[in-house]
Amino acid sequence: MGVPCAKEEIDIAKRIGKENHKCRPIIISLTTTWKKMEIKKNKKALDNFPIYIKEDFPPKVIQKRIELQQQLKIEREQGKKVALRYDKIITLHG
């Protein structure tokens, strides 16, 4: 990805899910938000690999995001440039 990450910048790294499954997600907690944003910006570098990166949210936020998906779709069909950030729909300028 081109994002250097020192051992000290990783707070927690652990696999989740049952041990007998071949593909198990890994949760990584970083010590700085800056490093997280840098990794998220460069995640397109992984397009040629069978892995992906996505942010983990609390259950309440996940539920809110599910509820906002339909509204997001409607606004995009109207030609608006909108995105889902955390638990809100924001309008993109530009």
PDB file of N, CA and C in Angstrom:
ATOM      1  N   MET A   1       0.816  -1.206   0.000  1.00  0.00           N
ATOM      2  CA  MET A   1       0.000   0.000   0.000  1.00  0.00           C
ATOM      3  C   MET A   1       0.853   1.261   0.000  1.00  0.00           C
ATOM      4  N   GLY A   2       2.076   1.139   0.389  1.00  0.00           N
ATOM      5  CA  GLY A   2       2.935   2.308   0.438  1.00  0.00           C
ATOM      6  C   GLY A   2       2.755   3.130   1.701  1.00  0.00           C
ATOM      7  N   VAL A   3       2.159   2.552   2.742  1.00  0.00           N
ATOM      8  CA  VAL A   3       1.962   3.259   4.010  1.00  0.00           C
ATOM      9  C   VAL A   3       2.824   2.577   5.071  1.00  0.00           C
ATOM     10  N   PRO A   4       3.937   3.200   5.439  1.00  0.00           N
ATOM     11  CA  PRO A   4       4.771   2.592   6.474  1.00  0.00           C
ATOM     12  C   PRO A   4       4.051   2.613   7.825  1.00  0.00           C
ATOM     13  N   CYS A   5       4.151   1.514   8.542  1.00  0.00           N
ATOM     14  CA  CYS A   5       3.472   1.416   9.830  1.00  0.00           C
ATOM     15  C   CYS A   5       4.406   0.723  10.821  1.00  0.00           C
ATOM     16  N   ALA A   6       4.841   1.462  11.803  1.00  0.00           N
ATOM     17  CA  ALA A   6       5.734   0.912  12.823  1.00  0.00           C
ATOM     18  C   ALA A   6       4.933   0.077  13.827  1.00  0.00           C
ATOM     19  N   LYS A   7       5.598  -0.833  14.467  1.00  0.00           N
ATOM     20  CA  LYS A   7       4.968  -1.702  15.466  1.00  0.00           C
ATOM     21  C   LYS A   7       4.295  -0.891  16.572  1.00  0.00           C
ATOM     22  N   GLU A   8       4.870   0.242  16.921  1.00  0.00           N
ATOM     23  CA  GLU A   8       4.342   1.096  17.989  1.00  0.00           C
ATOM     24  C   GLU A   8       3.030   1.776  17.605  1.00  0.00           C
ATOM     25  N   GLU A   9       2.737   1.855  16.303  1.00  0.00           N
ATOM     26  CA  GLU A   9       1.517   2.510  15.835  1.00  0.00           C
ATOM     27  C   GLU A   9       0.300   1.588  15.862  1.00  0.00           C
ATOM     28  N   ILE A  10       0.529   0.294  16.099  1.00  0.00           N
ATOM     29  CA  ILE A  10      -0.561  -0.673  16.170  1.00  0.00           C
ATOM     30  C   ILE A  10      -0.876  -0.944  17.629  1.00  0.00           C
ATOM     31  N   ASP A  11      -2.119  -0.633  18.010  1.00  0.00           N
ATOM     32  CA  ASP A  11      -2.550  -0.843  19.388  1.00  0.00           C
ATOM     33  C   ASP A  11      -2.967  -2.300  19.588  1.00  0.00           C
ATOM     34  N   ILE A  12      -3.871  -2.779  18.716  1.00  0.00           N
ATOM     35  CA  ILE A  12      -4.373  -4.152  18.797  1.00  0.00           C
ATOM     36  C   ILE A  12      -4.481  -4.701  17.382  1.00  0.00           C
ATOM     37  N   ALA A  13      -4.120  -5.956  17.209  1.00  0.00           N
ATOM     38  CA  ALA A  13      -4.336  -6.668  15.951  1.00  0.00           C
ATOM     39  C   ALA A  13      -4.773  -8.076  16.314  1.00  0.00           C
ATOM     40  N   LYS A  14      -5.997  -8.440  15.937  1.00  0.00           N
ATOM     41  CA  LYS A  14      -6.478  -9.782  16.285  1.00  0.00           C
ATOM     42  C   LYS A  14      -7.440 -10.299  15.225  1.00  0.00           C
ATOM     43  N   ARG A  15      -7.458 -11.618  15.087  1.00  0.00           N
ATOM     44  CA  ARG A  15      -8.397 -12.274  14.177  1.00  0.00           C
ATOM     45  C   ARG A  15      -9.720 -12.460  14.906  1.00  0.00           C
ATOM     46  N   ILE A  16     -10.813 -12.370  14.140  1.00  0.00           N
ATOM     47  CA  ILE A  16     -12.121 -12.632  14.724  1.00  0.00           C
ATOM     48  C   ILE A  16     -12.776 -13.770  13.942  1.00  0.00           C
ATOM     49  N   GLY A  17     -13.807 -14.353  14.511  1.00  0.00           N
ATOM     50  CA  GLY A  17     -14.487 -15.461  13.867  1.00  0.00           C
ATOM     51  C   GLY A  17     -13.994 -16.793  14.403  1.00  0.00           C
ATOM     52  N   LYS A  18     -14.590 -17.875  13.911  1.00  0.00           N
ATOM     53  CA  LYS A  18     -14.249 -19.218  14.371  1.00  0.00           C
ATOM     54  C   LYS A  18     -12.946 -19.680  13.734  1.00  0.00           C
ATOM     55  N   GLU A  19     -12.149 -20.396  14.516  1.00  0.00           N
ATOM     56  CA  GLU A  19     -10.831 -20.824  14.065  1.00  0.00           C
ATOM     57  C   GLU A  19     -10.865 -21.784  12.893  1.00  0.00           C
ATOM     58  N   ASN A  20     -11.914 -22.556  12.716  1.00  0.00           N
ATOM     59  CA  ASN A  20     -11.929 -23.541  11.641  1.00  0.00           C
ATOM     60  C   ASN A  20     -12.321 -22.957  10.286  1.00  0.00           C
ATOM     61  N   HIS A  21     -12.615 -21.669  10.218  1.00  0.00           N
ATOM     62  CA  HIS A  21     -12.920 -21.031   8.933  1.00  0.00           C
ATOM     63  C   HIS A  21     -11.624 -20.574   8.272  1.00  0.00           C
ATOM     64  N   LYS A  22     -11.569 -20.715   6.943  1.00  0.00           N
ATOM     65  CA  LYS A  22     -10.359 -20.333   6.220  1.00  0.00           C
ATOM     66  C   LYS A  22     -10.159 -18.819   6.202  1.00  0.00           C
ATOM     67  N   CYS A  23     -11.214 -18.075   5.881  1.00  0.00           N
ATOM     68  CA  CYS A  23     -11.111 -16.625   5.784  1.00  0.00           C
ATOM     69  C   CYS A  23     -11.670 -15.999   7.055  1.00  0.00           C
ATOM     70  N   ARG A  24     -10.794 -15.440   7.854  1.00  0.00           N
ATOM     71  CA  ARG A  24     -11.229 -14.787   9.087  1.00  0.00           C
ATOM     72  C   ARG A  24     -10.771 -13.335   9.050  1.00  0.00           C
ATOM     73  N   PRO A  25     -11.681 -12.403   9.335  1.00  0.00           N
ATOM     74  CA  PRO A  25     -11.296 -10.985   9.349  1.00  0.00           C
ATOM     75  C   PRO A  25     -10.276 -10.681  10.444  1.00  0.00           C
ATOM     76  N   ILE A  26      -9.552  -9.625  10.230  1.00  0.00           N
ATOM     77  CA  ILE A  26      -8.588  -9.135  11.219  1.00  0.00           C
ATOM     78  C   ILE A  26      -9.014  -7.732  11.605  1.00  0.00           C
ATOM     79  N   ILE A  27      -9.094  -7.490  12.899  1.00  0.00           N
ATOM     80  CA  ILE A  27      -9.382  -6.142  13.392  1.00  0.00           C
ATOM     81  C   ILE A  27      -8.072  -5.534  13.871  1.00  0.00           C
ATOM     82  N   ILE A  28      -7.814  -4.331  13.393  1.00  0.00           N
ATOM     83  CA  ILE A  28      -6.598  -3.621  13.789  1.00  0.00           C
ATOM     84  C   ILE A  28      -7.005  -2.277  14.379  1.00  0.00           C
ATOM     85  N   SER A  29      -6.489  -1.991  15.544  1.00  0.00           N
ATOM     86  CA  SER A  29      -6.710  -0.699  16.186  1.00  0.00           C
ATOM     87  C   SER A  29      -5.380   0.047  16.189  1.00  0.00           C
ATOM     88  N   LEU A  30      -5.398   1.249  15.648  1.00  0.00           N
ATOM     89  CA  LEU A  30      -4.173   2.043  15.547  1.00  0.00           C
ATOM     90  C   LEU A  30      -4.121   3.085  16.653  1.00  0.00           C
ATOM     91  N   THR A  31      -2.939   3.537  16.964  1.00  0.00           N
ATOM     92  CA  THR A  31      -2.772   4.502  18.050  1.00  0.00           C
ATOM     93  C   THR A  31      -3.115   5.924  17.626  1.00  0.00           C
ATOM     94  N   THR A  32      -3.083   6.205  16.316  1.00  0.00           N
ATOM     95  CA  THR A  32      -3.396   7.554  15.859  1.00  0.00           C
ATOM     96  C   THR A  32      -4.455   7.538  14.753  1.00  0.00           C
ATOM     97  N   THR A  33      -5.312   8.519  14.765  1.00  0.00           N
ATOM     98  CA  THR A  33      -6.320   8.662  13.720  1.00  0.00           C
ATOM     99  C   THR A  33      -5.655   9.024  12.398  1.00  0.00           C
ATOM    100  N   TRP A  34      -4.551   9.748  12.476  1.00  0.00           N
ATOM    101  CA  TRP A  34      -3.829  10.157  11.280  1.00  0.00           C
ATOM    102  C   TRP A  34      -3.404   8.944  10.461  1.00  0.00           C
ATOM    103  N   LYS A  35      -2.897   7.905  11.116  1.00  0.00           N
ATOM    104  CA  LYS A  35      -2.446   6.705  10.410  1.00  0.00           C
ATOM    105  C   LYS A  35      -3.636   5.972   9.796  1.00  0.00           C
ATOM    106  N   LYS A  36      -4.762   5.938  10.510  1.00  0.00           N
ATOM    107  CA  LYS A  36      -5.972   5.299   9.990  1.00  0.00           C
ATOM    108  C   LYS A  36      -6.418   5.999   8.705  1.00  0.00           C
ATOM    109  N   MET A  37      -6.433   7.313   8.705  1.00  0.00           N
ATOM    110  CA  MET A  37      -6.859   8.070   7.526  1.00  0.00           C
ATOM    111  C   MET A  37      -5.890   7.839   6.358  1.00  0.00           C
ATOM    112  N   GLU A  38      -4.607   7.735   6.645  1.00  0.00           N
ATOM    113  CA  GLU A  38      -3.618   7.489   5.599  1.00  0.00           C
ATOM    114  C   GLU A  38      -3.847   6.114   4.960  1.00  0.00           C
ATOM    115  N   ILE A  39      -4.156   5.113   5.770  1.00  0.00           N
ATOM    116  CA  ILE A  39      -4.433   3.771   5.254  1.00  0.00           C
ATOM    117  C   ILE A  39      -5.714   3.771   4.435  1.00  0.00           C
ATOM    118  N   LYS A  40      -6.749   4.454   4.931  1.00  0.00           N
ATOM    119  CA  LYS A  40      -8.011   4.511   4.190  1.00  0.00           C
ATOM    120  C   LYS A  40      -7.839   5.206   2.843  1.00  0.00           C
ATOM    121  N   LYS A  41      -7.007   6.237   2.783  1.00  0.00           N
ATOM    122  CA  LYS A  41      -6.761   6.951   1.525  1.00  0.00           C
ATOM    123  C   LYS A  41      -6.079   6.054   0.496  1.00  0.00           C
ATOM    124  N   ASN A  42      -5.210   5.162   0.961  1.00  0.00           N
ATOM    125  CA  ASN A  42      -4.414   4.329   0.058  1.00  0.00           C
ATOM    126  C   ASN A  42      -4.977   2.924  -0.145  1.00  0.00           C
ATOM    127  N   LYS A  43      -6.209   2.669   0.269  1.00  0.00           N
ATOM    128  CA  LYS A  43      -6.751   1.319   0.154  1.00  0.00           C
ATOM    129  C   LYS A  43      -7.007   0.895  -1.290  1.00  0.00           C
ATOM    130  N   LYS A  44      -7.047   1.832  -2.217  1.00  0.00           N
ATOM    131  CA  LYS A  44      -7.219   1.492  -3.637  1.00  0.00           C
ATOM    132  C   LYS A  44      -6.026   0.697  -4.168  1.00  0.00           C
ATOM    133  N   ALA A  45      -4.901   0.787  -3.496  1.00  0.00           N
ATOM    134  CA  ALA A  45      -3.717   0.030  -3.903  1.00  0.00           C
ATOM    135  C   ALA A  45      -3.936  -1.473  -3.741  1.00  0.00           C
ATOM    136  N   LEU A  46      -4.972  -1.867  -3.018  1.00  0.00           N
ATOM    137  CA  LEU A  46      -5.269  -3.280  -2.786  1.00  0.00           C
ATOM    138  C   LEU A  46      -6.274  -3.846  -3.789  1.00  0.00           C
ATOM    139  N   ASP A  47      -6.652  -3.074  -4.802  1.00  0.00           N
ATOM    140  CA  ASP A  47      -7.665  -3.512  -5.764  1.00  0.00           C
ATOM    141  C   ASP A  47      -7.290  -4.807  -6.480  1.00  0.00           C
ATOM    142  N   ASN A  48      -6.005  -5.071  -6.671  1.00  0.00           N
ATOM    143  CA  ASN A  48      -5.566  -6.275  -7.383  1.00  0.00           C
ATOM    144  C   ASN A  48      -5.367  -7.472  -6.455  1.00  0.00           C
ATOM    145  N   PHE A  49      -5.719  -7.318  -5.192  1.00  0.00           N
ATOM    146  CA  PHE A  49      -5.545  -8.379  -4.211  1.00  0.00           C
ATOM    147  C   PHE A  49      -6.901  -8.810  -3.658  1.00  0.00           C
ATOM    148  N   PRO A  50      -7.005 -10.054  -3.207  1.00  0.00           N
ATOM    149  CA  PRO A  50      -8.302 -10.535  -2.690  1.00  0.00           C
ATOM    150  C   PRO A  50      -8.564 -10.130  -1.235  1.00  0.00           C
ATOM    151  N   ILE A  51      -8.178  -8.923  -0.880  1.00  0.00           N
ATOM    152  CA  ILE A  51      -8.431  -8.401   0.469  1.00  0.00           C
ATOM    153  C   ILE A  51      -9.044  -7.013   0.360  1.00  0.00           C
ATOM    154  N   TYR A  52      -9.685  -6.582   1.429  1.00  0.00           N
ATOM    155  CA  TYR A  52     -10.269  -5.251   1.436  1.00  0.00           C
ATOM    156  C   TYR A  52     -10.190  -4.674   2.844  1.00  0.00           C
ATOM    157  N   ILE A  53     -10.385  -3.368   2.921  1.00  0.00           N
ATOM    158  CA  ILE A  53     -10.347  -2.645   4.186  1.00  0.00           C
ATOM    159  C   ILE A  53     -11.668  -1.928   4.356  1.00  0.00           C
ATOM    160  N   LYS A  54     -12.265  -2.068   5.514  1.00  0.00           N
ATOM    161  CA  LYS A  54     -13.437  -1.264   5.823  1.00  0.00           C
ATOM    162  C   LYS A  54     -13.433  -0.950   7.312  1.00  0.00           C
ATOM    163  N   GLU A  55     -14.079   0.149   7.621  1.00  0.00           N
ATOM    164  CA  GLU A  55     -14.092   0.640   8.996  1.00  0.00           C
ATOM    165  C   GLU A  55     -15.129  -0.122   9.821  1.00  0.00           C
ATOM    166  N   ASP A  56     -14.789  -0.382  11.067  1.00  0.00           N
ATOM    167  CA  ASP A  56     -15.688  -1.073  11.984  1.00  0.00           C
ATOM    168  C   ASP A  56     -16.455  -0.023  12.792  1.00  0.00           C
ATOM    169  N   PHE A  57     -17.785  -0.188  12.878  1.00  0.00           N
ATOM    170  CA  PHE A  57     -18.629   0.756  13.594  1.00  0.00           C
ATOM    171  C   PHE A  57     -19.372   0.055  14.723  1.00  0.00           C
ATOM    172  N   PRO A  58     -19.789   0.803  15.754  1.00  0.00           N
ATOM    173  CA  PRO A  58     -20.625   0.227  16.811  1.00  0.00           C
ATOM    174  C   PRO A  58     -21.991  -0.189  16.239  1.00  0.00           C
ATOM    175  N   PRO A  59     -22.684  -1.131  16.888  1.00  0.00           N
ATOM    176  CA  PRO A  59     -23.977  -1.607  16.383  1.00  0.00           C
ATOM    177  C   PRO A  59     -25.012  -0.514  16.126  1.00  0.00           C
ATOM    178  N   LYS A  60     -25.087   0.511  16.973  1.00  0.00           N
ATOM    179  CA  LYS A  60     -26.051   1.603  16.761  1.00  0.00           C
ATOM    180  C   LYS A  60     -25.761   2.348  15.461  1.00  0.00           C
ATOM    181  N   VAL A  61     -24.492   2.580  15.184  1.00  0.00           N
ATOM    182  CA  VAL A  61     -24.094   3.303  13.976  1.00  0.00           C
ATOM    183  C   VAL A  61     -24.374   2.435  12.749  1.00  0.00           C
ATOM    184  N   ILE A  62     -24.117   1.144  12.841  1.00  0.00           N
ATOM    185  CA  ILE A  62     -24.399   0.240  11.725  1.00  0.00           C
ATOM    186  C   ILE A  62     -25.886   0.272  11.390  1.00  0.00           C
ATOM    187  N   GLN A  63     -26.738   0.231  12.404  1.00  0.00           N
ATOM    188  CA  GLN A  63     -28.187   0.280  12.183  1.00  0.00           C
ATOM    189  C   GLN A  63     -28.599   1.594  11.519  1.00  0.00           C
ATOM    190  N   LYS A  64     -28.033   2.705  11.987  1.00  0.00           N
ATOM    191  CA  LYS A  64     -28.341   4.018  11.413  1.00  0.00           C
ATOM    192  C   LYS A  64     -27.895   4.083   9.949  1.00  0.00           C
ATOM    193  N   ARG A  65     -26.719   3.516   9.642  1.00  0.00           N
ATOM    194  CA  ARG A  65     -26.212   3.506   8.276  1.00  0.00           C
ATOM    195  C   ARG A  65     -27.122   2.701   7.350  1.00  0.00           C
ATOM    196  N   ILE A  66     -27.643   1.586   7.854  1.00  0.00           N
ATOM    197  CA  ILE A  66     -28.567   0.770   7.069  1.00  0.00           C
ATOM    198  C   ILE A  66     -29.822   1.577   6.737  1.00  0.00           C
ATOM    199  N   GLU A  67     -30.322   2.312   7.726  1.00  0.00           N
ATOM    200  CA  GLU A  67     -31.508   3.134   7.522  1.00  0.00           C
ATOM    201  C   GLU A  67     -31.260   4.259   6.520  1.00  0.00           C
ATOM    202  N   LEU A  68     -30.054   4.801   6.490  1.00  0.00           N
ATOM    203  CA  LEU A  68     -29.733   5.922   5.603  1.00  0.00           C
ATOM    204  C   LEU A  68     -29.410   5.494   4.166  1.00  0.00           C
ATOM    205  N   GLN A  69     -29.153   4.211   3.928  1.00  0.00           N
ATOM    206  CA  GLN A  69     -28.785   3.748   2.588  1.00  0.00           C
ATOM    207  C   GLN A  69     -29.839   4.087   1.540  1.00  0.00           C
ATOM    208  N   GLN A  70     -31.115   3.901   1.860  1.00  0.00           N
ATOM    209  CA  GLN A  70     -32.187   4.197   0.898  1.00  0.00           C
ATOM    210  C   GLN A  70     -32.240   5.690   0.570  1.00  0.00           C
ATOM    211  N   GLN A  71     -32.119   6.520   1.593  1.00  0.00           N
ATOM    212  CA  GLN A  71     -32.133   7.974   1.376  1.00  0.00           C
ATOM    213  C   GLN A  71     -30.922   8.390   0.537  1.00  0.00           C
ATOM    214  N   LEU A  72     -29.787   7.777   0.788  1.00  0.00           N
ATOM    215  CA  LEU A  72     -28.570   8.066   0.031  1.00  0.00           C
ATOM    216  C   LEU A  72     -28.774   7.729  -1.448  1.00  0.00           C
ATOM    217  N   LYS A  73     -29.384   6.588  -1.730  1.00  0.00           N
ATOM    218  CA  LYS A  73     -29.652   6.163  -3.096  1.00  0.00           C
ATOM    219  C   LYS A  73     -30.572   7.152  -3.808  1.00  0.00           C
ATOM    220  N   ILE A  74     -31.618   7.596  -3.124  1.00  0.00           N
ATOM    221  CA  ILE A  74     -32.575   8.552  -3.702  1.00  0.00           C
ATOM    222  C   ILE A  74     -31.885   9.864  -4.055  1.00  0.00           C
ATOM    223  N   GLU A  75     -31.075  10.371  -3.136  1.00  0.00           N
ATOM    224  CA  GLU A  75     -30.385  11.648  -3.376  1.00  0.00           C
ATOM    225  C   GLU A  75     -29.400  11.534  -4.534  1.00  0.00           C
ATOM    226  N   ARG A  76     -28.726  10.400  -4.663  1.00  0.00           N
ATOM    227  CA  ARG A  76     -27.802  10.210  -5.783  1.00  0.00           C
ATOM    228  C   ARG A  76     -28.553  10.148  -7.108  1.00  0.00           C
ATOM    229  N   GLU A  77     -29.726   9.523  -7.111  1.00  0.00           N
ATOM    230  CA  GLU A  77     -30.540   9.467  -8.335  1.00  0.00           C
ATOM    231  C   GLU A  77     -31.004  10.855  -8.754  1.00  0.00           C
ATOM    232  N   GLN A  78     -31.145  11.773  -7.802  1.00  0.00           N
ATOM    233  CA  GLN A  78     -31.524  13.151  -8.096  1.00  0.00           C
ATOM    234  C   GLN A  78     -30.338  13.974  -8.590  1.00  0.00           C
ATOM    235  N   GLY A  79     -29.165  13.357  -8.676  1.00  0.00           N
ATOM    236  CA  GLY A  79     -27.986  14.039  -9.186  1.00  0.00           C
ATOM    237  C   GLY A  79     -27.136  14.715  -8.126  1.00  0.00           C
ATOM    238  N   LYS A  80     -27.475  14.534  -6.882  1.00  0.00           N
ATOM    239  CA  LYS A  80     -26.689  15.154  -5.811  1.00  0.00           C
ATOM    240  C   LYS A  80     -25.436  14.327  -5.540  1.00  0.00           C
ATOM    241  N   LYS A  81     -24.362  15.013  -5.174  1.00  0.00           N
ATOM    242  CA  LYS A  81     -23.138  14.330  -4.776  1.00  0.00           C
ATOM    243  C   LYS A  81     -23.150  14.221  -3.256  1.00  0.00           C
ATOM    244  N   VAL A  82     -23.463  13.042  -2.773  1.00  0.00           N
ATOM    245  CA  VAL A  82     -23.578  12.816  -1.332  1.00  0.00           C
ATOM    246  C   VAL A  82     -22.773  11.581  -0.939  1.00  0.00           C
ATOM    247  N   ALA A  83     -22.415  11.518   0.336  1.00  0.00           N
ATOM    248  CA  ALA A  83     -21.672  10.379   0.867  1.00  0.00           C
ATOM    249  C   ALA A  83     -22.140  10.097   2.282  1.00  0.00           C
ATOM    250  N   LEU A  84     -21.933   8.881   2.710  1.00  0.00           N
ATOM    251  CA  LEU A  84     -22.276   8.473   4.057  1.00  0.00           C
ATOM    252  C   LEU A  84     -21.009   8.535   4.894  1.00  0.00           C
ATOM    253  N   ARG A  85     -21.005   9.365   5.902  1.00  0.00           N
ATOM    254  CA  ARG A  85     -19.863   9.502   6.811  1.00  0.00           C
ATOM    255  C   ARG A  85     -20.340   9.216   8.222  1.00  0.00           C
ATOM    256  N   TYR A  86     -19.776   8.181   8.792  1.00  0.00           N
ATOM    257  CA  TYR A  86     -20.135   7.683  10.120  1.00  0.00           C
ATOM    258  C   TYR A  86     -21.626   7.396  10.170  1.00  0.00           C
ATOM    259  N   ASP A  87     -22.458   8.262  10.734  1.00  0.00           N
ATOM    260  CA  ASP A  87     -23.907   8.001  10.759  1.00  0.00           C
ATOM    261  C   ASP A  87     -24.709   9.161  10.191  1.00  0.00           C
ATOM    262  N   LYS A  88     -24.110   9.882   9.224  1.00  0.00           N
ATOM    263  CA  LYS A  88     -24.769  11.029   8.610  1.00  0.00           C
ATOM    264  C   LYS A  88     -24.532  11.045   7.105  1.00  0.00           C
ATOM    265  N   ILE A  89     -25.474  11.642   6.378  1.00  0.00           N
ATOM    266  CA  ILE A  89     -25.289  11.877   4.956  1.00  0.00           C
ATOM    267  C   ILE A  89     -24.756  13.292   4.793  1.00  0.00           C
ATOM    268  N   ILE A  90     -23.653  13.422   4.069  1.00  0.00           N
ATOM    269  CA  ILE A  90     -23.085  14.742   3.835  1.00  0.00           C
ATOM    270  C   ILE A  90     -23.099  15.039   2.346  1.00  0.00           C
ATOM    271  N   THR A  91     -23.189  16.331   2.012  1.00  0.00           N
ATOM    272  CA  THR A  91     -23.155  16.780   0.629  1.00  0.00           C
ATOM    273  C   THR A  91     -21.730  17.132   0.271  1.00  0.00           C
ATOM    274  N   LEU A  92     -21.257  16.563  -0.840  1.00  0.00           N
ATOM    275  CA  LEU A  92     -19.897  16.828  -1.314  1.00  0.00           C
ATOM    276  C   LEU A  92     -19.916  18.004  -2.264  1.00  0.00           C
ATOM    277  N   HIS A  93     -18.946  18.869  -2.163  1.00  0.00           N
ATOM    278  CA  HIS A  93     -18.842  20.027  -3.042  1.00  0.00           C
ATOM    279  C   HIS A  93     -17.740  19.765  -4.053  1.00  0.00           C
ATOM    280  N   GLY A  94     -17.932  20.249  -5.249  1.00  0.00           N
ATOM    281  CA  GLY A  94     -16.873  20.140  -6.230  1.00  0.00           C
ATOM    282  C   GLY A  94     -17.285  19.401  -7.381  1.00  0.00           C
TER     283      GLY A  94
END
